[in-house]
Amino acid sequence: MGIVVIGSVFVDIKGYPFNTYIPKGRNAGRVIQVHGGVSRNVAEDIANLELRPTFVSLVDDTGMGWEVIQKLKNHKVNTDYIWSVKDGMGTWLAIFDNDGDVIGSISKRPCLDPIGQILDENEEAIFKDADSIIIELDMEKDIVKKVFKAAQKYHKDVYAFVSNMSIAVERRQMIQDTACFVCNQQEAGIFFSDDYDTLNEEEMLKTLVQNIQGANIPSMVVTMGDKGAVYASLDGQSGICPAIKVEVKDTTGAGDAFFAGVATGLTYGKTLKEACMIGTRLASSVIATSESVCPRFLPSEFGIKTNKE
């Protein structure tokens, strides 16, 4: 079955200026429309490691929805548990500056309720032989509860990420049940009710080590942009993983690729440090290629062996 990814699909509409971006002005540029969504990106990132994840999700009952499924199939993602429903996909509209960073965005989330029915009807088929589970923690609460219940039943590790940190704050107990939780520096501040924006890597690491003890989170990784990432776990693993310096073309999807690398590494027996190094390499490849997902790699390049090898 491979790694099971559960979450939403988005259509990303991205605008890039030809010249210096002028706020509140008319900017000539290019506008592209691509398949997106953190969960969809993560599933494709894992597939681009020549692994074969299963994606549980929804798409629109339109030509665009069909295109999403066909692209995932071409990347060898198992799409058996993707349903086509009316308005099944969300939309993300974003404007980028000349450095490839998002300077403004609007997001419309889809209703994911039908995913609960997918899980009810296919629980054993989805979870029994999964290598691990990746979940979008800010999905509808009933869906998240079903996933954690099934993970406990079939003894599977859960790796979690969020798009809305305010929801994660309300679900602290669920995060305590994850094998690893990944977020960025600003989100970590929201989660721990503090301001971490000015902390350097050493200060962030010290803070993280202290905070996961009090919050009883098994392991956590905090990304810090071009400063890299810091990681800590209750079993004593901790450290700083430096970023790889590359020419920035588009930062979209870099965080998704990092998370995919961390979850994949941990699923297949890597240490937290090694998993963060895999995530860092995938993220840097996305930033340098102007794509929302990482290019193809072989598992052997990261020393990954699946449970079937």
Protein backbone atom coordinates (compact mmCIF):
# COMPACT_ATOMS: atom_id res chain seq x y z
CA MET A 1 0.00 0.00 0.00
CA GLY A 2 2.89 2.39 0.69
CA ILE A 3 2.35 5.66 2.55
CA VAL A 4 -1.29 6.78 2.71
CA VAL A 5 -1.90 10.53 2.29
CA ILE A 6 -5.30 11.93 3.30
CA GLY A 7 -6.34 15.49 2.47
CA SER A 8 -7.56 17.99 -0.11
CA VAL A 9 -6.83 18.99 -3.70
CA PHE A 10 -6.59 22.62 -4.78
CA VAL A 11 -6.26 24.47 -8.05
CA ASP A 12 -3.44 27.02 -7.70
CA ILE A 13 -3.73 30.24 -9.71
CA LYS A 14 -0.37 32.05 -9.54
CA GLY A 15 0.62 35.45 -10.90
CA TYR A 16 4.24 36.51 -11.59
CA PRO A 17 5.20 40.09 -12.58
CA PHE A 18 7.47 40.68 -15.57
CA ASN A 19 8.98 43.78 -13.97
CA THR A 20 9.27 45.18 -10.44
CA TYR A 21 6.00 44.47 -8.67
CA ILE A 22 4.02 47.61 -7.81
CA PRO A 23 1.52 47.17 -4.95
CA LYS A 24 -1.93 48.54 -5.82
CA GLY A 25 -0.75 49.05 -9.40
CA ARG A 26 -1.38 47.28 -12.68
CA ASN A 27 1.37 44.72 -13.21
CA ALA A 28 2.03 42.98 -16.49
CA GLY A 29 3.12 39.38 -16.05
CA ARG A 30 2.16 35.79 -16.50
CA VAL A 31 -0.62 33.84 -14.80
CA ILE A 32 -0.54 30.06 -14.57
CA GLN A 33 -2.99 27.50 -13.26
CA VAL A 34 -1.66 24.27 -11.76
CA HIS A 35 -2.82 21.39 -9.62
CA GLY A 36 -2.04 22.11 -5.97
CA GLY A 37 -3.00 21.60 -2.35
CA VAL A 38 -0.56 20.50 0.35
CA SER A 39 -1.83 16.93 0.51
CA ARG A 40 -1.83 16.50 -3.26
CA ASN A 41 1.66 17.97 -3.47
CA VAL A 42 2.93 15.66 -0.71
CA ALA A 43 1.48 12.58 -2.44
CA GLU A 44 3.17 13.55 -5.71
CA ASP A 45 6.46 14.36 -3.93
CA ILE A 46 6.50 10.88 -2.40
CA ALA A 47 5.70 9.34 -5.77
CA ASN A 48 8.63 11.25 -7.27
CA LEU A 49 10.90 9.28 -4.94
CA GLU A 50 9.78 6.25 -6.96
CA LEU A 51 7.60 5.17 -4.04
CA ARG A 52 3.92 4.46 -4.63
CA PRO A 53 1.71 6.31 -2.14
CA THR A 54 -2.06 6.06 -1.89
CA PHE A 55 -3.99 9.32 -1.96
CA VAL A 56 -7.42 9.57 -0.29
CA SER A 57 -9.14 12.73 -1.47
CA LEU A 58 -11.81 14.46 -3.58
CA VAL A 59 -11.78 16.20 -6.97
CA ASP A 60 -14.38 18.15 -8.93
CA ASP A 61 -16.68 16.22 -11.25
CA THR A 62 -15.21 18.20 -14.16
CA GLY A 63 -12.44 17.94 -16.73
CA MET A 64 -10.04 19.56 -14.26
CA GLY A 65 -10.81 16.85 -11.71
CA TRP A 66 -10.14 14.19 -14.32
CA GLU A 67 -6.82 15.86 -15.16
CA VAL A 68 -5.76 15.79 -11.50
CA ILE A 69 -6.40 12.05 -11.28
CA GLN A 70 -4.63 11.31 -14.56
CA LYS A 71 -1.54 13.26 -13.55
CA LEU A 72 -1.34 11.47 -10.22
CA LYS A 73 -1.73 8.11 -11.97
CA ASN A 74 1.10 9.04 -14.32
CA HIS A 75 3.28 9.61 -11.25
CA LYS A 76 2.26 6.17 -9.95
CA VAL A 77 0.04 7.42 -7.13
CA ASN A 78 -2.74 5.01 -6.20
CA THR A 79 -5.93 6.98 -6.93
CA ASP A 80 -8.45 4.24 -6.11
CA TYR A 81 -9.79 6.25 -3.16
CA ILE A 82 -10.29 9.62 -4.86
CA TRP A 83 -13.94 10.45 -5.43
CA SER A 84 -15.27 12.93 -7.99
CA VAL A 85 -17.92 15.17 -6.42
CA LYS A 86 -19.38 18.61 -7.07
CA ASP A 87 -17.01 21.35 -5.85
CA GLY A 88 -14.59 18.75 -4.49
CA MET A 89 -11.49 20.93 -4.98
CA GLY A 90 -10.41 24.18 -3.36
CA THR A 91 -8.80 27.21 -5.01
CA TRP A 92 -5.66 29.16 -4.05
CA LEU A 93 -5.04 32.53 -5.69
CA ALA A 94 -1.57 33.99 -5.11
CA ILE A 95 0.61 36.87 -6.29
CA PHE A 96 4.41 36.55 -6.24
CA ASP A 97 7.09 39.24 -6.04
CA ASN A 98 10.28 39.33 -8.10
CA ASP A 99 12.08 37.12 -5.59
CA GLY A 100 9.59 34.29 -5.99
CA ASP A 101 7.90 34.87 -2.61
CA VAL A 102 4.15 35.07 -2.04
CA ILE A 103 3.06 38.63 -1.20
CA GLY A 104 -0.69 38.05 -1.10
CA SER A 105 -3.14 35.18 -1.42
CA ILE A 106 -6.76 34.13 -1.01
CA SER A 107 -7.81 30.54 -0.38
CA LYS A 108 -11.20 28.80 -0.75
CA ARG A 109 -11.34 25.43 0.97
CA PRO A 110 -13.57 22.61 -0.25
CA CYS A 111 -15.94 20.64 1.94
CA LEU A 112 -14.22 17.32 2.61
CA ASP A 113 -17.12 15.50 4.31
CA PRO A 114 -17.27 12.73 1.64
CA ILE A 115 -13.78 11.62 2.68
CA GLY A 116 -15.35 10.33 5.87
CA GLN A 117 -17.56 8.03 3.79
CA ILE A 118 -14.55 6.85 1.78
CA LEU A 119 -12.81 5.88 5.02
CA ASP A 120 -15.92 4.15 6.41
CA GLU A 121 -16.39 2.06 3.27
CA ASN A 122 -12.71 1.17 2.75
CA GLU A 123 -11.10 1.26 6.19
CA GLU A 124 -9.30 -2.09 6.09
CA ALA A 125 -8.20 -1.72 2.46
CA ILE A 126 -6.74 1.74 3.13
CA PHE A 127 -5.10 1.27 6.51
CA LYS A 128 -4.23 -2.38 7.09
CA ASP A 129 -1.19 -2.58 4.81
CA ALA A 130 -0.18 1.10 4.91
CA ASP A 131 3.46 1.84 5.71
CA SER A 132 2.37 5.04 7.51
CA ILE A 133 -0.32 7.71 7.35
CA ILE A 134 0.02 11.39 6.47
CA ILE A 135 -2.87 13.63 7.43
CA GLU A 136 -3.96 17.22 6.93
CA LEU A 137 -4.79 17.94 10.57
CA ASP A 138 -7.15 20.86 9.90
CA MET A 139 -9.61 18.74 7.92
CA GLU A 140 -13.10 18.29 9.31
CA LYS A 141 -12.73 17.00 12.87
CA ASP A 142 -14.82 13.86 12.38
CA ILE A 143 -12.54 12.79 9.52
CA VAL A 144 -9.41 13.36 11.59
CA LYS A 145 -10.87 11.32 14.45
CA LYS A 146 -11.62 8.43 12.05
CA VAL A 147 -8.02 8.48 10.84
CA PHE A 148 -6.49 8.38 14.31
CA LYS A 149 -8.90 5.63 15.38
CA ALA A 150 -7.93 3.51 12.37
CA ALA A 151 -4.23 4.24 12.89
CA GLN A 152 -4.48 2.98 16.45
CA LYS A 153 -6.43 -0.08 15.36
CA TYR A 154 -3.88 -1.06 12.70
CA HIS A 155 -0.80 0.18 14.61
CA LYS A 156 0.28 2.80 12.06
CA ASP A 157 2.34 5.95 12.62
CA VAL A 158 0.67 9.25 11.74
CA TYR A 159 2.58 12.28 10.42
CA ALA A 160 0.69 15.57 10.56
CA PHE A 161 0.81 19.05 9.07
CA VAL A 162 -1.63 21.97 9.19
CA SER A 163 -2.67 24.83 6.93
CA ASN A 164 -4.45 26.71 9.72
CA MET A 165 -2.46 26.74 12.96
CA SER A 166 -5.40 28.07 14.99
CA ILE A 167 -7.11 24.73 14.35
CA ALA A 168 -3.99 22.84 15.45
CA VAL A 169 -4.05 24.72 18.76
CA GLU A 170 -7.51 23.29 19.37
CA ARG A 171 -6.28 19.77 18.56
CA ARG A 172 -3.27 19.45 20.83
CA GLN A 173 -4.32 15.99 22.00
CA MET A 174 -4.27 14.74 18.42
CA ILE A 175 -0.77 16.13 17.86
CA GLN A 176 0.38 14.17 20.91
CA ASP A 177 -0.71 11.04 19.03
CA THR A 178 1.40 11.80 15.94
CA ALA A 179 4.82 10.32 15.24
CA CYS A 180 6.04 13.73 14.05
CA PHE A 181 4.50 17.18 13.64
CA VAL A 182 5.99 19.69 11.18
CA CYS A 183 5.32 23.44 11.01
CA ASN A 184 7.16 26.69 10.29
CA GLN A 185 8.64 29.15 12.79
CA GLN A 186 5.68 31.53 12.82
CA GLU A 187 3.23 28.64 13.23
CA ALA A 188 5.27 27.26 16.12
CA GLY A 189 4.91 30.62 17.87
CA ILE A 190 1.14 30.49 17.45
CA PHE A 191 1.02 26.91 18.68
CA PHE A 192 3.06 27.62 21.80
CA SER A 193 1.47 31.07 22.37
CA ASP A 194 4.70 33.03 21.91
CA ASP A 195 6.56 35.09 19.30
CA TYR A 196 9.49 33.22 17.75
CA ASP A 197 10.01 35.39 14.67
CA THR A 198 13.28 36.93 15.96
CA LEU A 199 14.85 33.71 17.24
CA ASN A 200 17.95 32.35 15.50
CA GLU A 201 18.52 28.65 14.93
CA GLU A 202 20.20 27.95 18.29
CA GLU A 203 17.54 29.85 20.22
CA MET A 204 14.72 28.15 18.32
CA LEU A 205 16.23 24.73 18.97
CA LYS A 206 16.56 25.36 22.70
CA THR A 207 12.97 26.58 22.84
CA LEU A 208 11.66 23.61 20.87
CA VAL A 209 13.43 21.06 23.09
CA GLN A 210 11.85 22.64 26.16
CA ASN A 211 8.39 23.03 24.66
CA ILE A 212 7.87 19.52 23.32
CA GLN A 213 8.57 18.19 26.81
CA GLY A 214 5.79 20.27 28.30
CA ALA A 215 3.42 19.62 25.39
CA ASN A 216 4.28 15.87 25.32
CA ILE A 217 4.77 15.84 21.54
CA PRO A 218 6.80 12.77 20.44
CA SER A 219 8.79 14.67 17.81
CA MET A 220 8.52 18.01 16.06
CA VAL A 221 10.31 19.86 13.27
CA VAL A 222 10.22 23.63 12.80
CA THR A 223 11.26 25.07 9.43
CA MET A 224 13.00 28.46 9.36
CA GLY A 225 13.22 29.37 5.68
CA ASP A 226 16.78 30.03 4.51
CA LYS A 227 18.02 29.27 8.03
CA GLY A 228 17.08 25.61 7.61
CA ALA A 229 15.13 23.69 10.22
CA VAL A 230 15.39 22.58 13.84
CA TYR A 231 14.14 19.28 15.21
CA ALA A 232 13.63 17.64 18.59
CA SER A 233 12.04 14.50 20.01
CA LEU A 234 11.14 13.13 23.42
CA ASP A 235 13.69 10.34 22.98
CA GLY A 236 16.55 12.88 22.94
CA GLN A 237 17.14 13.54 19.24
CA SER A 238 17.65 17.23 18.50
CA GLY A 239 19.62 19.47 16.21
CA ILE A 240 19.79 21.98 13.39
CA CYS A 241 19.50 21.02 9.72
CA PRO A 242 20.98 23.80 7.54
CA ALA A 243 19.27 24.88 4.34
CA ILE A 244 20.87 24.13 0.97
CA LYS A 245 21.74 27.33 -0.87
CA VAL A 246 20.12 27.47 -4.31
CA GLU A 247 18.86 30.14 -6.68
CA VAL A 248 15.27 30.88 -5.67
CA LYS A 249 12.79 30.67 -8.53
CA ASP A 250 9.55 29.85 -6.70
CA THR A 251 9.09 28.95 -3.03
CA THR A 252 5.63 27.42 -3.56
CA GLY A 253 5.58 23.78 -2.51
CA ALA A 254 8.97 23.84 -0.77
CA GLY A 255 7.40 23.27 2.63
CA ASP A 256 5.28 20.45 1.24
CA ALA A 257 8.37 18.77 -0.23
CA PHE A 258 10.24 19.16 3.07
CA PHE A 259 7.39 17.53 4.96
CA ALA A 260 7.18 14.70 2.41
CA GLY A 261 10.88 14.02 2.85
CA VAL A 262 10.70 14.00 6.64
CA ALA A 263 7.67 11.70 6.76
CA THR A 264 9.15 9.36 4.14
CA GLY A 265 12.50 9.15 5.90
CA LEU A 266 10.94 8.38 9.28
CA THR A 267 8.54 5.85 7.75
CA TYR A 268 11.42 3.87 6.30
CA GLY A 269 13.69 3.83 9.33
CA LYS A 270 15.76 7.03 9.13
CA THR A 271 16.68 9.06 12.20
CA LEU A 272 15.03 12.44 12.69
CA LYS A 273 18.26 14.13 11.56
CA GLU A 274 18.48 11.99 8.41
CA ALA A 275 14.80 12.56 7.65
CA CYS A 276 15.25 16.34 7.93
CA MET A 277 18.22 16.13 5.55
CA ILE A 278 16.03 14.32 3.01
CA GLY A 279 13.33 16.95 3.43
CA THR A 280 15.87 19.74 2.97
CA ARG A 281 17.16 18.27 -0.26
CA LEU A 282 13.65 17.86 -1.68
CA ALA A 283 12.69 21.41 -0.67
CA SER A 284 15.78 22.89 -2.30
CA SER A 285 15.03 21.03 -5.54
CA VAL A 286 11.54 22.55 -5.63
CA ILE A 287 12.80 26.09 -5.00
CA ALA A 288 15.34 25.79 -7.79
CA THR A 289 13.02 24.34 -10.44
CA SER A 290 9.98 26.68 -10.30
CA GLU A 291 7.70 23.71 -9.64
CA SER A 292 5.31 23.02 -6.77
CA VAL A 293 6.60 19.45 -6.43
CA CYS A 294 10.07 17.96 -6.39
CA PRO A 295 11.69 16.35 -9.44
CA ARG A 296 12.19 12.61 -9.55
CA PHE A 297 14.72 10.83 -7.34
CA LEU A 298 15.50 7.21 -6.64
CA PRO A 299 14.96 5.92 -3.08
CA SER A 300 18.55 4.66 -3.12
CA GLU A 301 19.81 8.25 -3.37
CA PHE A 302 18.59 8.73 0.20
CA GLY A 303 19.35 5.22 1.42
CA ILE A 304 15.62 4.43 1.58
CA LYS A 305 14.44 0.85 1.50
CA THR A 306 10.73 0.12 1.67
CA ASN A 307 9.25 -2.55 3.90
CA LYS A 308 8.82 -4.74 0.84
CA GLU A 309 12.55 -4.76 0.01
